[in-house]
Amino acid sequence: MLRMLYRGGTRKIVATPHFYAQKEAPERFLERREKAWEQLAPFLLEDTPKVYLGAEVSYYAGISNTECLPQLCMERSKLLLLEMPFQRWTERMMTEAVDIAQNRGLIVLLAHIDRYLALQPTDIWDKLAASGILFQVNASAFLGSWLPRRRAYKLLRDGKIAALGSDCHNMSGRRPNLDAAIDAIQRKMGQEAICEMEEKANRLFASAQRPVTI
C-alpha cells in the first residue's frame, strides 16, 4: 500500500490504526502499535512515503476527560484524529469534541465526515468549525456515486476540508486511492484547488508539530 501511495505522489502519511477504549487500554494499544512499527520500519525505503504514527480514536463517553489523549495524537504533535459515532450526534458528543479542542490544547480532526453528512443537521459543520474543530474527508467521497460526490465538492469549495484521507486497509477492496481523487478534483476544479489543499495540509502538519501543552 505504501509503495502504491508513493507512486501516486504521496510523500507523507499518518498511519491511523483504530483505538477503541471499550476494547483495550491505551497502553496496550500503544504496545501493539509499537510492535507493528518495528515489523514495518525495515521495509520503509526510498520508494515509500515517510510514515508518522497516529491513531483513529473512536469516540466514547468521557473522552474529553481522558488524561492520555496526547499519547494517541499523531506522534510528537497535538493532532487528534477523532472518529465520531455513526448516528445523529447528541449534544453531549459535540460538547466533548469541542471541549477537547478548546480546553485540552489539542487539534481535533474529525475523521471521514463524508460518512456522516446525511445523518447530521446541515448547520452542524459551521458550528463545529467555529469551535476550532477541523474535518477530514475520505478520497472515496470524490470517486463514488453522485450525491456523496456533490456533498464532498461543496465541502471543498466552502474551505471545510483540512485533510484528505486514503482510508486504505488492503490491496483488494480498500486500496490506496488518493491519486485518483486528486485527479478527479483537478479535472473538476483545476490545479489551484489541489495546490490549496496541499498548502492547507502542510500548514496543519506544521502547526500540529508544536509541543503539546496540557
N, C-alpha and C. Protein backbone atom coordinates (compact mmCIF):
# COMPACT_ATOMS: atom_id res chain seq x y z
N MET A 1 0.83 -1.20 0.00
CA MET A 1 0.00 0.00 0.00
C MET A 1 0.87 1.25 0.00
N LEU A 2 1.93 1.24 0.80
CA LEU A 2 2.80 2.41 0.86
C LEU A 2 3.51 2.67 -0.47
N ARG A 3 3.96 1.62 -1.11
CA ARG A 3 4.60 1.80 -2.41
C ARG A 3 3.60 2.36 -3.44
N MET A 4 2.37 1.89 -3.38
CA MET A 4 1.35 2.38 -4.31
C MET A 4 1.07 3.86 -4.04
N LEU A 5 1.01 4.23 -2.77
CA LEU A 5 0.81 5.63 -2.42
C LEU A 5 1.96 6.49 -2.94
N TYR A 6 3.17 5.99 -2.79
CA TYR A 6 4.34 6.74 -3.24
C TYR A 6 4.31 6.95 -4.75
N ARG A 7 3.96 5.89 -5.48
CA ARG A 7 3.88 6.01 -6.94
C ARG A 7 2.81 7.01 -7.35
N GLY A 8 1.80 7.18 -6.50
CA GLY A 8 0.73 8.12 -6.79
C GLY A 8 1.05 9.54 -6.36
N GLY A 9 2.23 9.75 -5.77
CA GLY A 9 2.65 11.10 -5.42
C GLY A 9 2.64 11.44 -3.95
N THR A 10 2.22 10.53 -3.08
CA THR A 10 2.18 10.78 -1.64
C THR A 10 3.59 10.67 -1.06
N ARG A 11 3.99 11.68 -0.29
CA ARG A 11 5.33 11.66 0.32
C ARG A 11 5.29 11.62 1.83
N LYS A 12 4.16 11.94 2.43
CA LYS A 12 3.99 11.84 3.88
C LYS A 12 2.62 11.24 4.15
N ILE A 13 2.56 10.37 5.14
CA ILE A 13 1.27 9.79 5.50
C ILE A 13 1.27 9.46 6.99
N VAL A 14 0.11 9.56 7.60
CA VAL A 14 -0.04 9.21 9.01
C VAL A 14 -0.76 7.88 9.10
N ALA A 15 -0.13 6.91 9.74
CA ALA A 15 -0.78 5.62 9.98
C ALA A 15 -1.74 5.77 11.16
N THR A 16 -2.99 5.41 10.95
CA THR A 16 -4.00 5.66 11.98
C THR A 16 -4.78 4.38 12.32
N PRO A 17 -4.14 3.42 12.99
CA PRO A 17 -4.89 2.24 13.44
C PRO A 17 -5.99 2.64 14.42
N HIS A 18 -7.04 1.87 14.43
CA HIS A 18 -8.20 2.19 15.26
C HIS A 18 -7.90 1.96 16.74
N PHE A 19 -8.33 2.91 17.56
CA PHE A 19 -8.29 2.73 19.02
C PHE A 19 -9.71 2.76 19.55
N TYR A 20 -10.12 1.67 20.22
CA TYR A 20 -11.43 1.57 20.85
C TYR A 20 -11.23 1.40 22.35
N ALA A 21 -11.64 2.41 23.10
CA ALA A 21 -11.40 2.39 24.55
C ALA A 21 -12.13 1.24 25.23
N GLN A 22 -13.24 0.79 24.65
CA GLN A 22 -14.01 -0.29 25.27
C GLN A 22 -13.35 -1.65 25.06
N LYS A 23 -12.34 -1.71 24.19
CA LYS A 23 -11.69 -2.99 23.89
C LYS A 23 -10.33 -3.15 24.56
N GLU A 24 -9.60 -2.05 24.74
CA GLU A 24 -8.28 -2.17 25.34
C GLU A 24 -7.84 -0.83 25.93
N ALA A 25 -6.91 -0.92 26.86
CA ALA A 25 -6.34 0.28 27.46
C ALA A 25 -5.41 0.97 26.47
N PRO A 26 -5.24 2.27 26.60
CA PRO A 26 -4.32 2.98 25.69
C PRO A 26 -2.92 2.40 25.71
N GLU A 27 -2.45 1.98 26.89
CA GLU A 27 -1.10 1.44 27.00
C GLU A 27 -0.95 0.17 26.15
N ARG A 28 -1.97 -0.68 26.17
CA ARG A 28 -1.93 -1.90 25.39
C ARG A 28 -1.95 -1.59 23.89
N PHE A 29 -2.78 -0.62 23.51
CA PHE A 29 -2.83 -0.20 22.11
C PHE A 29 -1.47 0.30 21.64
N LEU A 30 -0.84 1.14 22.44
CA LEU A 30 0.45 1.70 22.06
C LEU A 30 1.52 0.62 21.97
N GLU A 31 1.44 -0.38 22.84
CA GLU A 31 2.38 -1.50 22.76
C GLU A 31 2.21 -2.26 21.45
N ARG A 32 0.96 -2.53 21.08
CA ARG A 32 0.69 -3.25 19.82
C ARG A 32 1.16 -2.44 18.62
N ARG A 33 0.90 -1.13 18.67
CA ARG A 33 1.32 -0.28 17.56
C ARG A 33 2.84 -0.26 17.43
N GLU A 34 3.53 -0.22 18.55
CA GLU A 34 4.99 -0.19 18.51
C GLU A 34 5.55 -1.48 17.93
N LYS A 35 4.96 -2.60 18.29
CA LYS A 35 5.41 -3.88 17.73
C LYS A 35 5.17 -3.94 16.22
N ALA A 36 4.02 -3.44 15.79
CA ALA A 36 3.73 -3.41 14.36
C ALA A 36 4.71 -2.50 13.63
N TRP A 37 5.05 -1.38 14.26
CA TRP A 37 6.00 -0.44 13.66
C TRP A 37 7.38 -1.08 13.52
N GLU A 38 7.79 -1.83 14.52
CA GLU A 38 9.10 -2.50 14.46
C GLU A 38 9.17 -3.49 13.31
N GLN A 39 8.03 -4.11 12.98
CA GLN A 39 7.99 -5.04 11.85
C GLN A 39 8.00 -4.29 10.52
N LEU A 40 7.34 -3.13 10.48
CA LEU A 40 7.21 -2.39 9.22
C LEU A 40 8.44 -1.56 8.89
N ALA A 41 9.06 -0.95 9.88
CA ALA A 41 10.11 0.05 9.66
C ALA A 41 11.24 -0.41 8.73
N PRO A 42 11.73 -1.66 8.83
CA PRO A 42 12.84 -2.07 7.96
C PRO A 42 12.50 -2.03 6.47
N PHE A 43 11.21 -2.02 6.14
CA PHE A 43 10.80 -2.06 4.74
C PHE A 43 10.50 -0.67 4.17
N LEU A 44 10.65 0.37 4.99
CA LEU A 44 10.38 1.73 4.54
C LEU A 44 11.64 2.28 3.89
N LEU A 45 11.70 2.17 2.58
CA LEU A 45 12.89 2.54 1.83
C LEU A 45 12.61 3.79 1.00
N GLU A 46 13.35 3.98 -0.07
CA GLU A 46 13.21 5.19 -0.87
C GLU A 46 11.92 5.23 -1.67
N ASP A 47 11.26 4.09 -1.83
CA ASP A 47 10.04 4.06 -2.64
C ASP A 47 8.78 4.03 -1.78
N THR A 48 8.86 4.55 -0.56
CA THR A 48 7.69 4.63 0.31
C THR A 48 7.62 6.03 0.93
N PRO A 49 6.42 6.49 1.27
CA PRO A 49 6.30 7.79 1.95
C PRO A 49 6.89 7.70 3.35
N LYS A 50 7.17 8.87 3.93
CA LYS A 50 7.54 8.93 5.34
C LYS A 50 6.27 8.67 6.14
N VAL A 51 6.36 7.75 7.10
CA VAL A 51 5.18 7.35 7.88
C VAL A 51 5.27 7.92 9.28
N TYR A 52 4.21 8.60 9.69
CA TYR A 52 4.08 9.10 11.05
C TYR A 52 3.04 8.25 11.77
N LEU A 53 3.30 7.96 13.02
CA LEU A 53 2.39 7.11 13.78
C LEU A 53 1.30 7.94 14.44
N GLY A 54 0.07 7.44 14.32
CA GLY A 54 -1.06 8.11 14.94
C GLY A 54 -2.09 7.09 15.36
N ALA A 55 -3.33 7.52 15.43
CA ALA A 55 -4.43 6.63 15.79
C ALA A 55 -5.73 7.26 15.33
N GLU A 56 -6.69 6.42 15.01
CA GLU A 56 -8.05 6.89 14.77
C GLU A 56 -8.83 6.54 16.03
N VAL A 57 -9.09 7.54 16.84
CA VAL A 57 -9.65 7.34 18.17
C VAL A 57 -11.16 7.38 18.10
N SER A 58 -11.79 6.27 18.42
CA SER A 58 -13.24 6.20 18.39
C SER A 58 -13.82 6.91 19.61
N TYR A 59 -14.82 7.76 19.37
CA TYR A 59 -15.46 8.50 20.46
C TYR A 59 -16.04 7.55 21.49
N TYR A 60 -15.94 7.94 22.76
CA TYR A 60 -16.62 7.25 23.85
C TYR A 60 -16.99 8.28 24.90
N ALA A 61 -18.02 8.01 25.65
CA ALA A 61 -18.47 8.94 26.68
C ALA A 61 -17.35 9.17 27.69
N GLY A 62 -17.05 10.41 27.95
CA GLY A 62 -16.00 10.76 28.88
C GLY A 62 -14.64 10.96 28.24
N ILE A 63 -14.57 10.91 26.91
CA ILE A 63 -13.28 11.01 26.23
C ILE A 63 -12.57 12.34 26.53
N SER A 64 -13.33 13.40 26.72
CA SER A 64 -12.71 14.70 26.94
C SER A 64 -11.96 14.77 28.26
N ASN A 65 -12.26 13.84 29.18
CA ASN A 65 -11.59 13.83 30.48
C ASN A 65 -10.45 12.81 30.55
N THR A 66 -10.14 12.17 29.44
CA THR A 66 -9.11 11.14 29.42
C THR A 66 -7.72 11.78 29.42
N GLU A 67 -6.91 11.45 30.42
CA GLU A 67 -5.61 12.09 30.57
C GLU A 67 -4.63 11.72 29.46
N CYS A 68 -4.74 10.51 28.93
CA CYS A 68 -3.74 10.02 27.99
C CYS A 68 -4.02 10.42 26.54
N LEU A 69 -4.98 11.29 26.28
CA LEU A 69 -5.29 11.66 24.89
C LEU A 69 -4.06 12.11 24.09
N PRO A 70 -3.15 12.90 24.68
CA PRO A 70 -1.97 13.31 23.91
C PRO A 70 -1.16 12.13 23.37
N GLN A 71 -1.15 11.00 24.08
CA GLN A 71 -0.41 9.83 23.62
C GLN A 71 -1.03 9.22 22.36
N LEU A 72 -2.30 9.52 22.11
CA LEU A 72 -3.00 8.97 20.96
C LEU A 72 -2.98 9.92 19.76
N CYS A 73 -2.34 11.07 19.93
CA CYS A 73 -2.21 12.01 18.83
C CYS A 73 -1.14 11.53 17.84
N MET A 74 -1.12 12.16 16.68
CA MET A 74 -0.03 11.92 15.75
C MET A 74 1.29 12.17 16.48
N GLU A 75 2.27 11.32 16.25
CA GLU A 75 3.49 11.34 17.05
C GLU A 75 4.10 12.75 17.13
N ARG A 76 4.50 13.07 18.37
CA ARG A 76 5.15 14.35 18.69
C ARG A 76 4.32 15.53 18.23
N SER A 77 3.01 15.41 18.35
CA SER A 77 2.16 16.52 17.93
C SER A 77 0.93 16.59 18.83
N LYS A 78 0.08 17.55 18.51
CA LYS A 78 -1.18 17.72 19.25
C LYS A 78 -2.39 17.48 18.35
N LEU A 79 -2.20 16.72 17.26
CA LEU A 79 -3.26 16.45 16.30
C LEU A 79 -3.95 15.14 16.63
N LEU A 80 -5.23 15.21 17.00
CA LEU A 80 -6.02 14.04 17.38
C LEU A 80 -7.05 13.74 16.30
N LEU A 81 -6.96 12.55 15.69
CA LEU A 81 -7.95 12.12 14.71
C LEU A 81 -9.08 11.42 15.45
N LEU A 82 -10.25 12.03 15.44
CA LEU A 82 -11.38 11.54 16.22
C LEU A 82 -12.47 11.00 15.31
N GLU A 83 -12.85 9.75 15.54
CA GLU A 83 -13.94 9.13 14.78
C GLU A 83 -15.22 9.21 15.61
N MET A 84 -16.22 9.88 15.09
CA MET A 84 -17.49 10.03 15.79
C MET A 84 -18.41 8.85 15.50
N PRO A 85 -19.41 8.64 16.34
CA PRO A 85 -20.34 7.51 16.13
C PRO A 85 -21.16 7.66 14.85
N PHE A 86 -21.54 6.51 14.28
CA PHE A 86 -22.37 6.50 13.07
C PHE A 86 -23.83 6.60 13.44
N GLN A 87 -24.22 7.78 13.90
CA GLN A 87 -25.59 8.08 14.29
C GLN A 87 -25.71 9.60 14.35
N ARG A 88 -26.89 10.07 14.59
CA ARG A 88 -27.06 11.51 14.79
C ARG A 88 -26.40 11.86 16.12
N TRP A 89 -25.50 12.81 16.10
CA TRP A 89 -24.72 13.11 17.30
C TRP A 89 -25.55 13.86 18.32
N THR A 90 -25.38 13.48 19.57
CA THR A 90 -26.08 14.15 20.65
C THR A 90 -25.33 15.42 21.04
N GLU A 91 -25.98 16.24 21.82
CA GLU A 91 -25.34 17.47 22.29
C GLU A 91 -24.12 17.15 23.13
N ARG A 92 -24.20 16.07 23.90
CA ARG A 92 -23.06 15.68 24.73
C ARG A 92 -21.86 15.31 23.87
N MET A 93 -22.08 14.57 22.81
CA MET A 93 -20.98 14.17 21.92
C MET A 93 -20.27 15.40 21.36
N MET A 94 -21.06 16.36 20.88
CA MET A 94 -20.46 17.55 20.30
C MET A 94 -19.77 18.40 21.36
N THR A 95 -20.36 18.45 22.55
CA THR A 95 -19.75 19.22 23.64
C THR A 95 -18.39 18.64 24.00
N GLU A 96 -18.28 17.31 24.03
CA GLU A 96 -16.99 16.70 24.38
C GLU A 96 -15.94 16.97 23.30
N ALA A 97 -16.34 16.89 22.04
CA ALA A 97 -15.39 17.17 20.96
C ALA A 97 -14.90 18.61 21.03
N VAL A 98 -15.80 19.54 21.29
CA VAL A 98 -15.43 20.94 21.41
C VAL A 98 -14.56 21.16 22.64
N ASP A 99 -14.86 20.46 23.72
CA ASP A 99 -14.07 20.60 24.95
C ASP A 99 -12.61 20.18 24.71
N ILE A 100 -12.41 19.11 23.96
CA ILE A 100 -11.05 18.67 23.65
C ILE A 100 -10.32 19.74 22.85
N ALA A 101 -11.02 20.33 21.88
CA ALA A 101 -10.40 21.33 21.02
C ALA A 101 -10.11 22.63 21.74
N GLN A 102 -10.96 22.99 22.69
CA GLN A 102 -10.82 24.31 23.31
C GLN A 102 -10.12 24.28 24.66
N ASN A 103 -10.16 23.14 25.35
CA ASN A 103 -9.65 23.12 26.72
C ASN A 103 -8.52 22.13 26.97
N ARG A 104 -8.18 21.30 25.97
CA ARG A 104 -7.11 20.32 26.17
C ARG A 104 -5.84 20.67 25.40
N GLY A 105 -5.87 21.74 24.65
CA GLY A 105 -4.69 22.14 23.90
C GLY A 105 -4.40 21.24 22.72
N LEU A 106 -5.40 20.52 22.22
CA LEU A 106 -5.22 19.61 21.10
C LEU A 106 -5.95 20.12 19.86
N ILE A 107 -5.49 19.68 18.70
CA ILE A 107 -6.17 19.98 17.45
C ILE A 107 -7.04 18.78 17.10
N VAL A 108 -8.34 18.96 17.07
CA VAL A 108 -9.27 17.87 16.79
C VAL A 108 -9.58 17.84 15.29
N LEU A 109 -9.27 16.71 14.67
CA LEU A 109 -9.58 16.48 13.26
C LEU A 109 -10.61 15.36 13.19
N LEU A 110 -11.84 15.69 12.79
CA LEU A 110 -12.88 14.67 12.71
C LEU A 110 -12.66 13.82 11.47
N ALA A 111 -12.62 12.51 11.66
CA ALA A 111 -12.32 11.58 10.57
C ALA A 111 -13.53 11.42 9.64
N HIS A 112 -13.22 11.30 8.36
CA HIS A 112 -14.18 10.97 7.28
C HIS A 112 -15.59 11.50 7.52
N ILE A 113 -15.72 12.83 7.58
CA ILE A 113 -17.05 13.39 7.85
C ILE A 113 -18.01 13.15 6.69
N ASP A 114 -17.49 12.76 5.52
CA ASP A 114 -18.38 12.47 4.40
C ASP A 114 -19.34 11.34 4.73
N ARG A 115 -18.99 10.48 5.68
CA ARG A 115 -19.87 9.38 6.06
C ARG A 115 -21.06 9.84 6.90
N TYR A 116 -20.96 11.04 7.47
CA TYR A 116 -21.98 11.49 8.41
C TYR A 116 -22.90 12.56 7.84
N LEU A 117 -22.61 13.03 6.64
CA LEU A 117 -23.33 14.21 6.14
C LEU A 117 -24.83 14.01 6.10
N ALA A 118 -25.29 12.80 5.77
CA ALA A 118 -26.73 12.56 5.68
C ALA A 118 -27.37 12.37 7.05
N LEU A 119 -26.54 12.21 8.09
CA LEU A 119 -27.07 11.93 9.43
C LEU A 119 -27.19 13.15 10.32
N GLN A 120 -26.48 14.24 9.96
CA GLN A 120 -26.39 15.39 10.84
C GLN A 120 -27.13 16.59 10.25
N PRO A 121 -27.58 17.52 11.09
CA PRO A 121 -28.18 18.76 10.57
C PRO A 121 -27.14 19.55 9.78
N THR A 122 -27.57 20.25 8.76
CA THR A 122 -26.63 20.90 7.84
C THR A 122 -25.82 22.00 8.51
N ASP A 123 -26.33 22.60 9.58
CA ASP A 123 -25.62 23.71 10.20
C ASP A 123 -24.55 23.26 11.20
N ILE A 124 -24.44 21.95 11.42
CA ILE A 124 -23.52 21.47 12.44
C ILE A 124 -22.06 21.74 12.07
N TRP A 125 -21.75 21.71 10.77
CA TRP A 125 -20.36 21.85 10.36
C TRP A 125 -19.84 23.25 10.61
N ASP A 126 -20.68 24.26 10.39
CA ASP A 126 -20.28 25.63 10.69
C ASP A 126 -20.08 25.82 12.19
N LYS A 127 -20.95 25.22 12.98
CA LYS A 127 -20.84 25.35 14.44
C LYS A 127 -19.55 24.70 14.95
N LEU A 128 -19.26 23.51 14.45
CA LEU A 128 -18.05 22.82 14.89
C LEU A 128 -16.79 23.55 14.41
N ALA A 129 -16.82 24.02 13.17
CA ALA A 129 -15.68 24.76 12.64
C ALA A 129 -15.42 26.03 13.45
N ALA A 130 -16.49 26.71 13.85
CA ALA A 130 -16.35 27.93 14.66
C ALA A 130 -15.75 27.63 16.02
N SER A 131 -15.86 26.37 16.46
CA SER A 131 -15.29 25.96 17.74
C SER A 131 -13.85 25.48 17.61
N GLY A 132 -13.31 25.54 16.40
CA GLY A 132 -11.91 25.16 16.20
C GLY A 132 -11.70 23.73 15.75
N ILE A 133 -12.76 23.01 15.44
CA ILE A 133 -12.64 21.62 15.00
C ILE A 133 -12.44 21.58 13.49
N LEU A 134 -11.55 20.69 13.06
CA LEU A 134 -11.22 20.54 11.64
C LEU A 134 -11.82 19.24 11.10
N PHE A 135 -11.87 19.12 9.76
CA PHE A 135 -12.53 18.00 9.14
C PHE A 135 -11.63 17.30 8.12
N GLN A 136 -11.71 15.98 8.15
CA GLN A 136 -11.06 15.14 7.14
C GLN A 136 -12.15 14.49 6.29
N VAL A 137 -11.88 14.35 5.00
CA VAL A 137 -12.80 13.67 4.09
C VAL A 137 -12.03 12.57 3.38
N ASN A 138 -12.67 11.42 3.22
CA ASN A 138 -12.03 10.31 2.51
C ASN A 138 -11.96 10.58 1.01
N ALA A 139 -10.88 10.11 0.41
CA ALA A 139 -10.72 10.25 -1.04
C ALA A 139 -11.89 9.62 -1.78
N SER A 140 -12.43 8.54 -1.26
CA SER A 140 -13.52 7.83 -1.93
C SER A 140 -14.76 8.69 -2.11
N ALA A 141 -14.92 9.74 -1.29
CA ALA A 141 -16.09 10.61 -1.42
C ALA A 141 -16.10 11.32 -2.77
N PHE A 142 -14.93 11.51 -3.37
CA PHE A 142 -14.84 12.18 -4.66
C PHE A 142 -14.90 11.19 -5.83
N LEU A 143 -15.05 9.91 -5.50
CA LEU A 143 -14.99 8.88 -6.54
C LEU A 143 -16.25 8.02 -6.60
N GLY A 144 -17.17 8.23 -5.68
CA GLY A 144 -18.33 7.36 -5.58
C GLY A 144 -19.53 7.87 -6.37
N SER A 145 -20.71 7.62 -5.84
CA SER A 145 -21.95 7.99 -6.52
C SER A 145 -22.16 9.50 -6.48
N TRP A 146 -23.16 9.96 -7.23
CA TRP A 146 -23.36 11.38 -7.49
C TRP A 146 -23.57 12.20 -6.22
N LEU A 147 -24.44 11.77 -5.32
CA LEU A 147 -24.78 12.60 -4.16
C LEU A 147 -23.59 12.76 -3.20
N PRO A 148 -22.88 11.68 -2.82
CA PRO A 148 -21.69 11.87 -1.98
C PRO A 148 -20.64 12.77 -2.64
N ARG A 149 -20.47 12.63 -3.97
CA ARG A 149 -19.51 13.48 -4.67
C ARG A 149 -19.93 14.95 -4.57
N ARG A 150 -21.20 15.20 -4.78
CA ARG A 150 -21.70 16.58 -4.72
C ARG A 150 -21.46 17.18 -3.34
N ARG A 151 -21.72 16.42 -2.30
CA ARG A 151 -21.51 16.91 -0.94
C ARG A 151 -20.03 17.16 -0.66
N ALA A 152 -19.19 16.25 -1.14
CA ALA A 152 -17.74 16.40 -0.91
C ALA A 152 -17.21 17.65 -1.60
N TYR A 153 -17.64 17.88 -2.83
CA TYR A 153 -17.17 19.07 -3.55
C TYR A 153 -17.68 20.35 -2.90
N LYS A 154 -18.86 20.31 -2.32
CA LYS A 154 -19.37 21.50 -1.62
C LYS A 154 -18.50 21.80 -0.41
N LEU A 155 -18.13 20.76 0.34
CA LEU A 155 -17.24 20.96 1.48
C LEU A 155 -15.92 21.56 1.02
N LEU A 156 -15.41 21.06 -0.09
CA LEU A 156 -14.13 21.56 -0.60
C LEU A 156 -14.25 23.02 -1.03
N ARG A 157 -15.30 23.35 -1.76
CA ARG A 157 -15.49 24.73 -2.21
C ARG A 157 -15.67 25.68 -1.02
N ASP A 158 -16.31 25.18 0.06
CA ASP A 158 -16.55 26.01 1.24
C ASP A 158 -15.32 26.10 2.15
N GLY A 159 -14.23 25.44 1.76
CA GLY A 159 -13.00 25.51 2.54
C GLY A 159 -13.02 24.73 3.83
N LYS A 160 -13.86 23.70 3.92
CA LYS A 160 -14.02 22.97 5.17
C LYS A 160 -13.16 21.71 5.27
N ILE A 161 -12.44 21.35 4.22
CA ILE A 161 -11.63 20.13 4.25
C ILE A 161 -10.20 20.47 4.62
N ALA A 162 -9.76 19.99 5.78
CA ALA A 162 -8.40 20.25 6.24
C ALA A 162 -7.43 19.17 5.79
N ALA A 163 -7.94 17.97 5.55
CA ALA A 163 -7.08 16.86 5.16
C ALA A 163 -7.87 15.84 4.37
N LEU A 164 -7.17 15.18 3.46
CA LEU A 164 -7.77 14.13 2.64
C LEU A 164 -7.26 12.78 3.13
N GLY A 165 -8.17 11.86 3.42
CA GLY A 165 -7.78 10.55 3.93
C GLY A 165 -7.87 9.47 2.86
N SER A 166 -6.93 8.55 2.88
CA SER A 166 -6.98 7.45 1.91
C SER A 166 -7.94 6.35 2.37
N ASP A 167 -8.02 6.15 3.70
CA ASP A 167 -8.83 5.08 4.28
C ASP A 167 -8.45 3.72 3.69
N CYS A 168 -7.20 3.58 3.27
CA CYS A 168 -6.79 2.30 2.68
C CYS A 168 -6.52 1.28 3.79
N HIS A 169 -7.00 0.07 3.56
CA HIS A 169 -6.84 -1.02 4.53
C HIS A 169 -6.13 -2.23 3.94
N ASN A 170 -6.17 -2.37 2.62
CA ASN A 170 -5.61 -3.56 1.99
C ASN A 170 -5.40 -3.27 0.51
N MET A 171 -4.99 -4.31 -0.23
CA MET A 171 -4.77 -4.15 -1.66
C MET A 171 -5.89 -4.78 -2.48
N SER A 172 -7.02 -5.05 -1.84
CA SER A 172 -8.15 -5.61 -2.57
C SER A 172 -9.31 -4.63 -2.56
N GLY A 173 -10.18 -4.71 -1.56
CA GLY A 173 -11.38 -3.87 -1.56
C GLY A 173 -11.15 -2.44 -1.14
N ARG A 174 -10.05 -2.15 -0.42
CA ARG A 174 -9.83 -0.79 0.07
C ARG A 174 -8.39 -0.38 -0.22
N ARG A 175 -8.10 -0.28 -1.49
CA ARG A 175 -6.76 0.09 -1.96
C ARG A 175 -6.54 1.60 -1.82
N PRO A 176 -5.28 2.03 -1.81
CA PRO A 176 -4.99 3.46 -1.82
C PRO A 176 -5.62 4.14 -3.04
N ASN A 177 -6.23 5.30 -2.83
CA ASN A 177 -6.92 5.96 -3.94
C ASN A 177 -6.74 7.48 -3.90
N LEU A 178 -5.75 7.96 -3.18
CA LEU A 178 -5.55 9.40 -3.10
C LEU A 178 -5.27 10.02 -4.47
N ASP A 179 -4.45 9.34 -5.27
CA ASP A 179 -4.11 9.91 -6.58
C ASP A 179 -5.33 10.01 -7.48
N ALA A 180 -6.22 9.02 -7.41
CA ALA A 180 -7.44 9.07 -8.24
C ALA A 180 -8.34 10.22 -7.81
N ALA A 181 -8.45 10.44 -6.49
CA ALA A 181 -9.27 11.55 -6.01
C ALA A 181 -8.67 12.89 -6.40
N ILE A 182 -7.37 13.02 -6.30
CA ILE A 182 -6.70 14.27 -6.68
C ILE A 182 -6.88 14.55 -8.16
N ASP A 183 -6.78 13.52 -8.98
CA ASP A 183 -7.01 13.69 -10.42
C ASP A 183 -8.44 14.16 -10.69
N ALA A 184 -9.39 13.58 -9.97
CA ALA A 184 -10.80 13.95 -10.17
C ALA A 184 -11.04 15.40 -9.76
N ILE A 185 -10.46 15.80 -8.64
CA ILE A 185 -10.62 17.18 -8.16
C ILE A 185 -9.97 18.16 -9.13
N GLN A 186 -8.81 17.79 -9.64
CA GLN A 186 -8.11 18.66 -10.58
C GLN A 186 -8.91 18.86 -11.87
N ARG A 187 -9.53 17.79 -12.35
CA ARG A 187 -10.32 17.89 -13.57
C ARG A 187 -11.53 18.80 -13.36
N LYS A 188 -12.11 18.74 -12.18
CA LYS A 188 -13.34 19.50 -11.94
C LYS A 188 -13.07 20.94 -11.47
N MET A 189 -12.01 21.11 -10.66
CA MET A 189 -11.80 22.41 -10.03
C MET A 189 -10.47 23.06 -10.38
N GLY A 190 -9.61 22.34 -11.09
CA GLY A 190 -8.36 22.94 -11.52
C GLY A 190 -7.20 22.70 -10.57
N GLN A 191 -6.00 23.00 -11.06
CA GLN A 191 -4.79 22.78 -10.28
C GLN A 191 -4.75 23.67 -9.04
N GLU A 192 -5.36 24.83 -9.11
CA GLU A 192 -5.36 25.74 -7.96
C GLU A 192 -5.99 25.09 -6.74
N ALA A 193 -7.04 24.32 -6.94
CA ALA A 193 -7.70 23.64 -5.82
C ALA A 193 -6.77 22.62 -5.18
N ILE A 194 -5.99 21.92 -5.99
CA ILE A 194 -5.04 20.94 -5.47
C ILE A 194 -3.95 21.63 -4.67
N CYS A 195 -3.42 22.72 -5.21
CA CYS A 195 -2.37 23.47 -4.50
C CYS A 195 -2.88 24.00 -3.17
N GLU A 196 -4.12 24.47 -3.17
CA GLU A 196 -4.70 24.99 -1.92
C GLU A 196 -4.85 23.88 -0.89
N MET A 197 -5.29 22.70 -1.31
CA MET A 197 -5.41 21.56 -0.40
C MET A 197 -4.05 21.18 0.18
N GLU A 198 -3.03 21.14 -0.66
CA GLU A 198 -1.70 20.78 -0.20
C GLU A 198 -1.17 21.80 0.80
N GLU A 199 -1.37 23.08 0.50
CA GLU A 199 -0.91 24.14 1.40
C GLU A 199 -1.61 24.05 2.75
N LYS A 200 -2.92 23.79 2.72
CA LYS A 200 -3.68 23.68 3.96
C LYS A 200 -3.20 22.49 4.79
N ALA A 201 -2.96 21.36 4.13
CA ALA A 201 -2.48 20.17 4.84
C ALA A 201 -1.09 20.41 5.43
N ASN A 202 -0.23 21.09 4.67
CA ASN A 202 1.12 21.38 5.17
C ASN A 202 1.07 22.33 6.36
N ARG A 203 0.18 23.32 6.32
CA ARG A 203 0.05 24.24 7.46
C ARG A 203 -0.44 23.50 8.69
N LEU A 204 -1.42 22.61 8.49
CA LEU A 204 -1.93 21.81 9.61
C LEU A 204 -0.83 20.95 10.19
N PHE A 205 -0.06 20.30 9.33
CA PHE A 205 1.01 19.43 9.79
C PHE A 205 2.04 20.24 10.58
N ALA A 206 2.39 21.41 10.07
CA ALA A 206 3.40 22.24 10.74
C ALA A 206 2.90 22.74 12.10
N SER A 207 1.65 23.18 12.16
CA SER A 207 1.12 23.70 13.41
C SER A 207 0.98 22.60 14.45
N ALA A 208 0.68 21.38 13.98
CA ALA A 208 0.50 20.27 14.92
C ALA A 208 1.80 19.81 15.53
N GLN A 209 2.94 20.14 14.92
CA GLN A 209 4.22 19.68 15.41
C GLN A 209 4.70 20.44 16.62
N ARG A 210 4.00 21.48 17.02
CA ARG A 210 4.41 22.23 18.19
C ARG A 210 4.26 21.36 19.43
N PRO A 211 5.04 21.65 20.48
CA PRO A 211 4.93 20.86 21.72
C PRO A 211 3.50 20.88 22.28
N VAL A 212 3.08 19.76 22.81
CA VAL A 212 1.74 19.66 23.37
C VAL A 212 1.71 20.35 24.74
N THR A 213 0.69 21.18 24.96
CA THR A 213 0.50 21.83 26.24
C THR A 213 -0.76 21.27 26.87
N ILE A 214 -0.62 20.72 28.06
CA ILE A 214 -1.78 20.12 28.75
C ILE A 214 -2.26 21.06 29.87
